[in-house]
Amino acid sequence: MEGEGIVATEQRRRIIRPGDIAVIPANTWHWHGATRASAMMHISMRPSGPSNWKVEKKNWDEY
């Protein structure tokens, strides 16, 4: 990871920095992205198999 970012679920929002690891359980709605003050580059891994990319609409200002 490079920069500073945010990982958010419906229950929690966390600032992440280089060296941090964020684990999101299967079938958990989440969002990740850069902060307003920093760009973010990250590596994402997931198990093989089908994925469900359909997500409910959210009010992004909350995250």
PDB file of N, CA and C in Angstrom:
ATOM      1  N   MET A   1       0.830  -1.172   0.000  1.00  0.00           N
ATOM      2  CA  MET A   1       0.000   0.000   0.000  1.00  0.00           C
ATOM      3  C   MET A   1       0.875   1.236   0.000  1.00  0.00           C
ATOM      4  N   GLU A   2       0.365   2.257  -0.638  1.00  0.00           N
ATOM      5  CA  GLU A   2       1.059   3.537  -0.662  1.00  0.00           C
ATOM      6  C   GLU A   2       0.044   4.637  -0.403  1.00  0.00           C
ATOM      7  N   GLY A   3       0.428   5.644   0.354  1.00  0.00           N
ATOM      8  CA  GLY A   3      -0.491   6.737   0.663  1.00  0.00           C
ATOM      9  C   GLY A   3      -1.287   6.454   1.925  1.00  0.00           C
ATOM     10  N   GLU A   4      -2.438   7.072   2.011  1.00  0.00           N
ATOM     11  CA  GLU A   4      -3.324   6.887   3.158  1.00  0.00           C
ATOM     12  C   GLU A   4      -4.732   6.681   2.618  1.00  0.00           C
ATOM     13  N   GLY A   5      -5.445   5.707   3.185  1.00  0.00           N
ATOM     14  CA  GLY A   5      -6.775   5.405   2.677  1.00  0.00           C
ATOM     15  C   GLY A   5      -7.771   5.121   3.781  1.00  0.00           C
ATOM     16  N   ILE A   6      -8.987   4.834   3.355  1.00  0.00           N
ATOM     17  CA  ILE A   6     -10.081   4.501   4.263  1.00  0.00           C
ATOM     18  C   ILE A   6     -10.658   3.161   3.836  1.00  0.00           C
ATOM     19  N   VAL A   7     -10.918   2.304   4.804  1.00  0.00           N
ATOM     20  CA  VAL A   7     -11.689   1.083   4.585  1.00  0.00           C
ATOM     21  C   VAL A   7     -12.913   1.203   5.476  1.00  0.00           C
ATOM     22  N   ALA A   8     -14.091   1.062   4.894  1.00  0.00           N
ATOM     23  CA  ALA A   8     -15.328   1.231   5.658  1.00  0.00           C
ATOM     24  C   ALA A   8     -16.253   0.042   5.445  1.00  0.00           C
ATOM     25  N   THR A   9     -16.894  -0.377   6.531  1.00  0.00           N
ATOM     26  CA  THR A   9     -18.010  -1.316   6.475  1.00  0.00           C
ATOM     27  C   THR A   9     -19.205  -0.579   7.070  1.00  0.00           C
ATOM     28  N   GLU A  10     -20.335  -1.238   7.149  1.00  0.00           N
ATOM     29  CA  GLU A  10     -21.495  -0.578   7.751  1.00  0.00           C
ATOM     30  C   GLU A  10     -21.284  -0.315   9.239  1.00  0.00           C
ATOM     31  N   GLN A  11     -20.387  -1.068   9.881  1.00  0.00           N
ATOM     32  CA  GLN A  11     -20.164  -0.916  11.317  1.00  0.00           C
ATOM     33  C   GLN A  11     -18.950  -0.060  11.672  1.00  0.00           C
ATOM     34  N   ARG A  12     -17.989   0.068  10.757  1.00  0.00           N
ATOM     35  CA  ARG A  12     -16.714   0.657  11.143  1.00  0.00           C
ATOM     36  C   ARG A  12     -16.063   1.392   9.972  1.00  0.00           C
ATOM     37  N   ARG A  13     -15.292   2.424  10.296  1.00  0.00           N
ATOM     38  CA  ARG A  13     -14.469   3.115   9.310  1.00  0.00           C
ATOM     39  C   ARG A  13     -13.062   3.188   9.877  1.00  0.00           C
ATOM     40  N   ARG A  14     -12.065   2.854   9.067  1.00  0.00           N
ATOM     41  CA  ARG A  14     -10.687   2.772   9.552  1.00  0.00           C
ATOM     42  C   ARG A  14      -9.735   3.441   8.561  1.00  0.00           C
ATOM     43  N   ILE A  15      -8.808   4.231   9.074  1.00  0.00           N
ATOM     44  CA  ILE A  15      -7.737   4.803   8.258  1.00  0.00           C
ATOM     45  C   ILE A  15      -6.660   3.735   8.109  1.00  0.00           C
ATOM     46  N   ILE A  16      -6.186   3.533   6.884  1.00  0.00           N
ATOM     47  CA  ILE A  16      -5.110   2.568   6.649  1.00  0.00           C
ATOM     48  C   ILE A  16      -3.909   3.287   6.048  1.00  0.00           C
ATOM     49  N   ARG A  17      -2.730   2.776   6.404  1.00  0.00           N
ATOM     50  CA  ARG A  17      -1.462   3.348   5.956  1.00  0.00           C
ATOM     51  C   ARG A  17      -0.550   2.215   5.504  1.00  0.00           C
ATOM     52  N   PRO A  18       0.577   2.530   4.850  1.00  0.00           N
ATOM     53  CA  PRO A  18       1.492   1.479   4.410  1.00  0.00           C
ATOM     54  C   PRO A  18       1.828   0.515   5.551  1.00  0.00           C
ATOM     55  N   GLY A  19       1.771  -0.783   5.250  1.00  0.00           N
ATOM     56  CA  GLY A  19       2.040  -1.818   6.246  1.00  0.00           C
ATOM     57  C   GLY A  19       0.786  -2.371   6.895  1.00  0.00           C
ATOM     58  N   ASP A  20      -0.338  -1.664   6.795  1.00  0.00           N
ATOM     59  CA  ASP A  20      -1.597  -2.145   7.374  1.00  0.00           C
ATOM     60  C   ASP A  20      -2.220  -3.228   6.491  1.00  0.00           C
ATOM     61  N   ILE A  21      -2.979  -4.101   7.107  1.00  0.00           N
ATOM     62  CA  ILE A  21      -3.740  -5.137   6.405  1.00  0.00           C
ATOM     63  C   ILE A  21      -5.193  -4.997   6.818  1.00  0.00           C
ATOM     64  N   ALA A  22      -6.077  -4.998   5.846  1.00  0.00           N
ATOM     65  CA  ALA A  22      -7.518  -4.953   6.119  1.00  0.00           C
ATOM     66  C   ALA A  22      -8.125  -6.251   5.601  1.00  0.00           C
ATOM     67  N   VAL A  23      -8.798  -6.979   6.467  1.00  0.00           N
ATOM     68  CA  VAL A  23      -9.458  -8.228   6.083  1.00  0.00           C
ATOM     69  C   VAL A  23     -10.960  -8.000   6.150  1.00  0.00           C
ATOM     70  N   ILE A  24     -11.629  -8.227   5.039  1.00  0.00           N
ATOM     71  CA  ILE A  24     -13.079  -8.052   4.954  1.00  0.00           C
ATOM     72  C   ILE A  24     -13.708  -9.437   4.821  1.00  0.00           C
ATOM     73  N   PRO A  25     -14.562  -9.849   5.762  1.00  0.00           N
ATOM     74  CA  PRO A  25     -15.206 -11.160   5.663  1.00  0.00           C
ATOM     75  C   PRO A  25     -16.063 -11.274   4.397  1.00  0.00           C
ATOM     76  N   ALA A  26     -16.222 -12.484   3.919  1.00  0.00           N
ATOM     77  CA  ALA A  26     -17.047 -12.741   2.732  1.00  0.00           C
ATOM     78  C   ALA A  26     -18.450 -12.178   2.919  1.00  0.00           C
ATOM     79  N   ASN A  27     -19.011 -11.687   1.834  1.00  0.00           N
ATOM     80  CA  ASN A  27     -20.385 -11.168   1.797  1.00  0.00           C
ATOM     81  C   ASN A  27     -20.610  -9.963   2.711  1.00  0.00           C
ATOM     82  N   THR A  28     -19.555  -9.221   3.014  1.00  0.00           N
ATOM     83  CA  THR A  28     -19.659  -8.012   3.830  1.00  0.00           C
ATOM     84  C   THR A  28     -19.578  -6.792   2.922  1.00  0.00           C
ATOM     85  N   TRP A  29     -20.582  -5.907   3.006  1.00  0.00           N
ATOM     86  CA  TRP A  29     -20.508  -4.677   2.227  1.00  0.00           C
ATOM     87  C   TRP A  29     -19.326  -3.870   2.743  1.00  0.00           C
ATOM     88  N   HIS A  30     -18.528  -3.336   1.816  1.00  0.00           N
ATOM     89  CA  HIS A  30     -17.404  -2.496   2.218  1.00  0.00           C
ATOM     90  C   HIS A  30     -17.060  -1.520   1.098  1.00  0.00           C
ATOM     91  N   TRP A  31     -16.286  -0.529   1.462  1.00  0.00           N
ATOM     92  CA  TRP A  31     -15.793   0.469   0.530  1.00  0.00           C
ATOM     93  C   TRP A  31     -14.365   0.788   0.925  1.00  0.00           C
ATOM     94  N   HIS A  32     -13.529   1.071  -0.064  1.00  0.00           N
ATOM     95  CA  HIS A  32     -12.171   1.525   0.235  1.00  0.00           C
ATOM     96  C   HIS A  32     -11.762   2.566  -0.803  1.00  0.00           C
ATOM     97  N   GLY A  33     -10.946   3.510  -0.353  1.00  0.00           N
ATOM     98  CA  GLY A  33     -10.480   4.558  -1.251  1.00  0.00           C
ATOM     99  C   GLY A  33      -9.542   5.505  -0.536  1.00  0.00           C
ATOM    100  N   ALA A  34      -9.096   6.484  -1.286  1.00  0.00           N
ATOM    101  CA  ALA A  34      -8.145   7.456  -0.749  1.00  0.00           C
ATOM    102  C   ALA A  34      -8.832   8.429   0.204  1.00  0.00           C
ATOM    103  N   THR A  35      -8.036   9.062   1.044  1.00  0.00           N
ATOM    104  CA  THR A  35      -8.555  10.153   1.870  1.00  0.00           C
ATOM    105  C   THR A  35      -8.548  11.426   1.018  1.00  0.00           C
ATOM    106  N   ARG A  36      -9.156  12.470   1.527  1.00  0.00           N
ATOM    107  CA  ARG A  36      -9.154  13.739   0.783  1.00  0.00           C
ATOM    108  C   ARG A  36      -7.755  14.332   0.690  1.00  0.00           C
ATOM    109  N   ALA A  37      -6.886  13.979   1.627  1.00  0.00           N
ATOM    110  CA  ALA A  37      -5.551  14.576   1.681  1.00  0.00           C
ATOM    111  C   ALA A  37      -4.481  13.746   0.981  1.00  0.00           C
ATOM    112  N   SER A  38      -4.797  12.522   0.535  1.00  0.00           N
ATOM    113  CA  SER A  38      -3.759  11.646   0.011  1.00  0.00           C
ATOM    114  C   SER A  38      -4.313  10.715  -1.061  1.00  0.00           C
ATOM    115  N   ALA A  39      -3.488  10.431  -2.038  1.00  0.00           N
ATOM    116  CA  ALA A  39      -3.816   9.373  -2.999  1.00  0.00           C
ATOM    117  C   ALA A  39      -3.565   8.029  -2.320  1.00  0.00           C
ATOM    118  N   MET A  40      -4.092   6.955  -2.880  1.00  0.00           N
ATOM    119  CA  MET A  40      -3.884   5.626  -2.300  1.00  0.00           C
ATOM    120  C   MET A  40      -3.691   4.616  -3.418  1.00  0.00           C
ATOM    121  N   MET A  41      -2.720   3.738  -3.243  1.00  0.00           N
ATOM    122  CA  MET A  41      -2.529   2.599  -4.127  1.00  0.00           C
ATOM    123  C   MET A  41      -2.526   1.366  -3.233  1.00  0.00           C
ATOM    124  N   HIS A  42      -3.226   0.304  -3.635  1.00  0.00           N
ATOM    125  CA  HIS A  42      -3.307  -0.882  -2.792  1.00  0.00           C
ATOM    126  C   HIS A  42      -3.328  -2.146  -3.640  1.00  0.00           C
ATOM    127  N   ILE A  43      -3.123  -3.266  -2.988  1.00  0.00           N
ATOM    128  CA  ILE A  43      -3.233  -4.589  -3.604  1.00  0.00           C
ATOM    129  C   ILE A  43      -4.423  -5.271  -2.960  1.00  0.00           C
ATOM    130  N   SER A  44      -5.266  -5.851  -3.785  1.00  0.00           N
ATOM    131  CA  SER A  44      -6.460  -6.535  -3.292  1.00  0.00           C
ATOM    132  C   SER A  44      -6.392  -8.006  -3.699  1.00  0.00           C
ATOM    133  N   MET A  45      -6.695  -8.903  -2.775  1.00  0.00           N
ATOM    134  CA  MET A  45      -6.703 -10.338  -3.060  1.00  0.00           C
ATOM    135  C   MET A  45      -8.038 -10.923  -2.638  1.00  0.00           C
ATOM    136  N   ARG A  46      -8.501 -11.921  -3.392  1.00  0.00           N
ATOM    137  CA  ARG A  46      -9.727 -12.618  -3.033  1.00  0.00           C
ATOM    138  C   ARG A  46      -9.589 -14.075  -3.438  1.00  0.00           C
ATOM    139  N   PRO A  47     -10.328 -14.964  -2.781  1.00  0.00           N
ATOM    140  CA  PRO A  47     -10.277 -16.375  -3.151  1.00  0.00           C
ATOM    141  C   PRO A  47     -10.847 -16.575  -4.556  1.00  0.00           C
ATOM    142  N   SER A  48     -10.447 -17.664  -5.197  1.00  0.00           N
ATOM    143  CA  SER A  48     -11.001 -17.967  -6.513  1.00  0.00           C
ATOM    144  C   SER A  48     -12.472 -18.351  -6.384  1.00  0.00           C
ATOM    145  N   GLY A  49     -13.179 -18.319  -7.486  1.00  0.00           N
ATOM    146  CA  GLY A  49     -14.595 -18.652  -7.488  1.00  0.00           C
ATOM    147  C   GLY A  49     -15.433 -17.442  -7.823  1.00  0.00           C
ATOM    148  N   PRO A  50     -16.742 -17.627  -7.895  1.00  0.00           N
ATOM    149  CA  PRO A  50     -17.629 -16.526  -8.294  1.00  0.00           C
ATOM    150  C   PRO A  50     -17.696 -15.420  -7.248  1.00  0.00           C
ATOM    151  N   SER A  51     -17.974 -14.226  -7.722  1.00  0.00           N
ATOM    152  CA  SER A  51     -18.138 -13.059  -6.847  1.00  0.00           C
ATOM    153  C   SER A  51     -19.502 -12.443  -7.089  1.00  0.00           C
ATOM    154  N   ASN A  52     -20.058 -11.859  -6.057  1.00  0.00           N
ATOM    155  CA  ASN A  52     -21.319 -11.141  -6.176  1.00  0.00           C
ATOM    156  C   ASN A  52     -21.000  -9.654  -6.173  1.00  0.00           C
ATOM    157  N   TRP A  53     -21.076  -9.017  -7.329  1.00  0.00           N
ATOM    158  CA  TRP A  53     -20.727  -7.611  -7.448  1.00  0.00           C
ATOM    159  C   TRP A  53     -21.932  -6.703  -7.285  1.00  0.00           C
ATOM    160  N   LYS A  54     -23.102  -7.272  -7.047  1.00  0.00           N
ATOM    161  CA  LYS A  54     -24.300  -6.457  -6.853  1.00  0.00           C
ATOM    162  C   LYS A  54     -24.306  -5.924  -5.422  1.00  0.00           C
ATOM    163  N   VAL A  55     -24.366  -4.620  -5.290  1.00  0.00           N
ATOM    164  CA  VAL A  55     -24.389  -4.010  -3.961  1.00  0.00           C
ATOM    165  C   VAL A  55     -25.543  -3.024  -3.876  1.00  0.00           C
ATOM    166  N   GLU A  56     -26.059  -2.859  -2.682  1.00  0.00           N
ATOM    167  CA  GLU A  56     -27.132  -1.890  -2.507  1.00  0.00           C
ATOM    168  C   GLU A  56     -26.572  -0.479  -2.559  1.00  0.00           C
ATOM    169  N   LYS A  57     -27.380   0.455  -2.992  1.00  0.00           N
ATOM    170  CA  LYS A  57     -26.944   1.847  -3.062  1.00  0.00           C
ATOM    171  C   LYS A  57     -26.772   2.407  -1.655  1.00  0.00           C
ATOM    172  N   LYS A  58     -25.744   3.221  -1.487  1.00  0.00           N
ATOM    173  CA  LYS A  58     -25.439   3.831  -0.194  1.00  0.00           C
ATOM    174  C   LYS A  58     -25.369   5.347  -0.335  1.00  0.00           C
ATOM    175  N   ASN A  59     -25.521   6.041   0.771  1.00  0.00           N
ATOM    176  CA  ASN A  59     -25.270   7.470   0.823  1.00  0.00           C
ATOM    177  C   ASN A  59     -23.771   7.625   1.060  1.00  0.00           C
ATOM    178  N   TRP A  60     -23.017   7.907   0.007  1.00  0.00           N
ATOM    179  CA  TRP A  60     -21.556   7.906   0.096  1.00  0.00           C
ATOM    180  C   TRP A  60     -21.020   8.965   1.045  1.00  0.00           C
ATOM    181  N   ASP A  61     -21.790  10.004   1.339  1.00  0.00           N
ATOM    182  CA  ASP A  61     -21.321  11.026   2.277  1.00  0.00           C
ATOM    183  C   ASP A  61     -21.128  10.457   3.676  1.00  0.00           C
ATOM    184  N   GLU A  62     -21.782   9.335   3.988  1.00  0.00           N
ATOM    185  CA  GLU A  62     -21.636   8.709   5.305  1.00  0.00           C
ATOM    186  C   GLU A  62     -20.320   7.950   5.432  1.00  0.00           C
ATOM    187  N   TYR A  63     -19.686   7.634   4.314  1.00  0.00           N
ATOM    188  CA  TYR A  63     -18.492   6.804   4.336  1.00  0.00           C
ATOM    189  C   TYR A  63     -17.279   7.576   3.887  1.00  0.00           C
TER     190      TYR A  63
END
